[in-house]
N, C-alpha and C. Protein backbone atom coordinates (compact mmCIF):
# COMPACT_ATOMS: atom_id res chain seq x y z
N MET A 1 -38.32 -53.58 18.17
CA MET A 1 -39.21 -53.03 19.15
C MET A 1 -38.73 -53.46 20.54
N ARG A 2 -38.69 -52.55 21.45
CA ARG A 2 -38.26 -52.85 22.81
C ARG A 2 -39.40 -53.48 23.61
N PRO A 3 -39.09 -54.29 24.63
CA PRO A 3 -40.14 -54.93 25.43
C PRO A 3 -41.11 -53.95 26.07
N ALA A 4 -40.65 -52.79 26.48
CA ALA A 4 -41.54 -51.80 27.10
C ALA A 4 -42.59 -51.34 26.11
N GLN A 5 -42.22 -51.18 24.86
CA GLN A 5 -43.18 -50.76 23.84
C GLN A 5 -44.22 -51.85 23.57
N CYS A 6 -43.79 -53.09 23.56
CA CYS A 6 -44.73 -54.20 23.35
C CYS A 6 -45.74 -54.27 24.47
N GLY A 7 -45.29 -54.09 25.70
CA GLY A 7 -46.20 -54.13 26.85
C GLY A 7 -47.22 -53.01 26.78
N GLY A 8 -46.80 -51.84 26.39
CA GLY A 8 -47.72 -50.71 26.28
C GLY A 8 -48.74 -50.94 25.19
N THR A 9 -48.31 -51.52 24.07
CA THR A 9 -49.22 -51.78 22.96
C THR A 9 -50.24 -52.85 23.36
N ALA A 10 -49.78 -53.88 24.05
CA ALA A 10 -50.69 -54.94 24.50
C ALA A 10 -51.71 -54.39 25.50
N HIS A 11 -51.27 -53.54 26.39
CA HIS A 11 -52.17 -52.94 27.37
C HIS A 11 -53.20 -52.07 26.65
N HIS A 12 -52.74 -51.31 25.67
CA HIS A 12 -53.64 -50.44 24.91
C HIS A 12 -54.70 -51.29 24.19
N GLY A 13 -54.28 -52.40 23.64
CA GLY A 13 -55.23 -53.30 22.97
C GLY A 13 -56.25 -53.88 23.92
N LEU A 14 -55.80 -54.25 25.12
CA LEU A 14 -56.74 -54.77 26.12
C LEU A 14 -57.75 -53.72 26.55
N VAL A 15 -57.28 -52.49 26.69
CA VAL A 15 -58.19 -51.40 27.08
C VAL A 15 -59.21 -51.17 25.98
N LEU A 16 -58.78 -51.18 24.73
CA LEU A 16 -59.72 -50.99 23.62
C LEU A 16 -60.73 -52.15 23.54
N ALA A 17 -60.25 -53.37 23.77
CA ALA A 17 -61.16 -54.52 23.76
C ALA A 17 -62.19 -54.42 24.88
N ALA A 18 -61.75 -54.01 26.06
CA ALA A 18 -62.67 -53.85 27.19
C ALA A 18 -63.70 -52.75 26.90
N ALA A 19 -63.24 -51.66 26.30
CA ALA A 19 -64.16 -50.58 25.95
C ALA A 19 -65.17 -51.05 24.91
N GLY A 20 -64.71 -51.82 23.94
CA GLY A 20 -65.62 -52.35 22.93
C GLY A 20 -66.67 -53.27 23.53
N LEU A 21 -66.26 -54.12 24.47
CA LEU A 21 -67.21 -55.01 25.14
C LEU A 21 -68.22 -54.21 25.98
N ALA A 22 -67.74 -53.16 26.62
CA ALA A 22 -68.64 -52.32 27.42
C ALA A 22 -69.68 -51.65 26.53
N VAL A 23 -69.26 -51.17 25.37
CA VAL A 23 -70.20 -50.55 24.43
C VAL A 23 -71.21 -51.58 23.92
N LEU A 24 -70.73 -52.78 23.61
CA LEU A 24 -71.61 -53.84 23.14
C LEU A 24 -72.63 -54.22 24.21
N LEU A 25 -72.19 -54.33 25.45
CA LEU A 25 -73.09 -54.65 26.54
C LEU A 25 -74.14 -53.55 26.74
N ALA A 26 -73.69 -52.30 26.69
CA ALA A 26 -74.62 -51.17 26.85
C ALA A 26 -75.65 -51.17 25.73
N ALA A 27 -75.23 -51.43 24.50
CA ALA A 27 -76.17 -51.46 23.37
C ALA A 27 -77.17 -52.59 23.54
N THR A 28 -76.73 -53.73 24.04
CA THR A 28 -77.62 -54.86 24.27
C THR A 28 -78.65 -54.54 25.34
N VAL A 29 -78.22 -53.91 26.41
CA VAL A 29 -79.14 -53.53 27.49
C VAL A 29 -80.15 -52.51 26.99
N LEU A 30 -79.71 -51.53 26.22
CA LEU A 30 -80.63 -50.52 25.69
C LEU A 30 -81.64 -51.14 24.73
N ALA A 31 -81.20 -52.09 23.91
CA ALA A 31 -82.12 -52.76 22.99
C ALA A 31 -83.17 -53.55 23.77
N ALA A 32 -82.75 -54.22 24.84
CA ALA A 32 -83.70 -54.97 25.67
C ALA A 32 -84.70 -54.04 26.33
N LEU A 33 -84.23 -52.91 26.84
CA LEU A 33 -85.14 -51.93 27.45
C LEU A 33 -86.12 -51.37 26.43
N ALA A 34 -85.66 -51.11 25.24
CA ALA A 34 -86.55 -50.61 24.19
C ALA A 34 -87.62 -51.63 23.85
N ALA A 35 -87.25 -52.90 23.78
CA ALA A 35 -88.23 -53.95 23.48
C ALA A 35 -89.26 -54.07 24.60
N LEU A 36 -88.81 -54.00 25.86
CA LEU A 36 -89.74 -54.06 26.98
C LEU A 36 -90.69 -52.87 27.00
N THR A 37 -90.15 -51.70 26.69
CA THR A 37 -90.98 -50.49 26.66
C THR A 37 -92.02 -50.59 25.56
N GLU A 38 -91.61 -51.10 24.40
CA GLU A 38 -92.55 -51.25 23.29
C GLU A 38 -93.68 -52.20 23.66
N LYS A 39 -93.34 -53.31 24.31
CA LYS A 39 -94.37 -54.27 24.73
C LYS A 39 -95.30 -53.66 25.77
N ALA A 40 -94.75 -52.87 26.68
CA ALA A 40 -95.58 -52.23 27.70
C ALA A 40 -96.55 -51.23 27.07
N VAL A 41 -96.06 -50.47 26.11
CA VAL A 41 -96.91 -49.49 25.43
C VAL A 41 -98.00 -50.21 24.64
N GLU A 42 -97.64 -51.27 23.94
CA GLU A 42 -98.64 -52.03 23.18
C GLU A 42 -99.70 -52.61 24.11
N GLY A 43 -99.27 -53.12 25.25
CA GLY A 43 -100.22 -53.66 26.21
C GLY A 43 -101.16 -52.59 26.74
N GLY A 44 -100.62 -51.42 27.02
CA GLY A 44 -101.45 -50.32 27.48
C GLY A 44 -102.46 -49.87 26.43
N ILE A 45 -102.02 -49.83 25.20
CA ILE A 45 -102.92 -49.44 24.11
C ILE A 45 -104.03 -50.47 23.96
N GLN A 46 -103.68 -51.75 24.01
CA GLN A 46 -104.69 -52.80 23.89
C GLN A 46 -105.71 -52.73 25.03
N ARG A 47 -105.23 -52.50 26.26
CA ARG A 47 -106.16 -52.38 27.39
C ARG A 47 -107.07 -51.17 27.21
N ARG A 48 -106.51 -50.06 26.76
CA ARG A 48 -107.30 -48.84 26.57
C ARG A 48 -108.35 -49.05 25.48
N LEU A 49 -107.96 -49.67 24.36
CA LEU A 49 -108.92 -49.94 23.29
C LEU A 49 -110.01 -50.89 23.76
N ALA A 50 -109.64 -51.92 24.51
CA ALA A 50 -110.65 -52.86 25.01
C ALA A 50 -111.61 -52.15 25.96
N ARG A 51 -111.09 -51.30 26.82
CA ARG A 51 -111.95 -50.56 27.75
C ARG A 51 -112.89 -49.62 27.00
N ASP A 52 -112.33 -48.89 26.02
CA ASP A 52 -113.16 -47.97 25.24
C ASP A 52 -114.24 -48.72 24.47
N LEU A 53 -113.87 -49.88 23.92
CA LEU A 53 -114.85 -50.68 23.18
C LEU A 53 -115.94 -51.18 24.12
N HIS A 54 -115.54 -51.60 25.31
CA HIS A 54 -116.51 -52.08 26.29
C HIS A 54 -117.47 -50.96 26.68
N HIS A 55 -116.95 -49.75 26.90
CA HIS A 55 -117.79 -48.63 27.29
C HIS A 55 -118.70 -48.19 26.15
N SER A 56 -118.24 -48.29 24.93
CA SER A 56 -119.05 -47.83 23.81
C SER A 56 -120.19 -48.80 23.51
N ARG A 57 -120.10 -50.04 23.98
CA ARG A 57 -121.15 -51.04 23.72
C ARG A 57 -122.28 -50.98 24.75
N ARG A 58 -122.13 -50.21 25.80
CA ARG A 58 -123.18 -50.12 26.81
C ARG A 58 -124.36 -49.33 26.25
N SER A 59 -125.54 -49.69 26.67
CA SER A 59 -126.73 -49.00 26.20
C SER A 59 -126.93 -47.70 26.97
N PRO A 60 -127.69 -46.77 26.42
CA PRO A 60 -127.98 -45.52 27.14
C PRO A 60 -128.67 -45.78 28.48
N ARG A 61 -129.49 -46.85 28.56
CA ARG A 61 -130.17 -47.21 29.80
C ARG A 61 -129.14 -47.54 30.88
N ASP A 62 -128.07 -48.27 30.50
CA ASP A 62 -127.00 -48.60 31.45
C ASP A 62 -126.32 -47.33 31.94
N ALA A 63 -126.11 -46.38 31.05
CA ALA A 63 -125.46 -45.12 31.44
C ALA A 63 -126.33 -44.36 32.42
N ALA A 64 -127.65 -44.34 32.19
CA ALA A 64 -128.57 -43.64 33.09
C ALA A 64 -128.59 -44.31 34.45
N ALA A 65 -128.52 -45.63 34.47
CA ALA A 65 -128.55 -46.36 35.74
C ALA A 65 -127.27 -46.07 36.52
N ARG A 66 -126.16 -45.93 35.84
CA ARG A 66 -124.89 -45.64 36.53
C ARG A 66 -124.88 -44.25 37.12
N ARG A 67 -125.56 -43.31 36.48
CA ARG A 67 -125.57 -41.93 36.97
C ARG A 67 -126.43 -41.78 38.22
N SER A 68 -127.47 -42.58 38.36
CA SER A 68 -128.38 -42.41 39.50
C SER A 68 -127.93 -43.18 40.72
């Protein structure tokens, strides 16, 4: 093998390694974003359920007082 061929092969390997690291980093960032989104959705659902539960426990007298 000539030295020029070795250099090209080494460069090709470095490029593939860099591309692999970039893909790994992108996958890690996407997984983190998905986890944050899931937590945000869960938090929103919990707040909505708590609000709905709070509103459903009010008496009809409270509802009439709020309307007037």
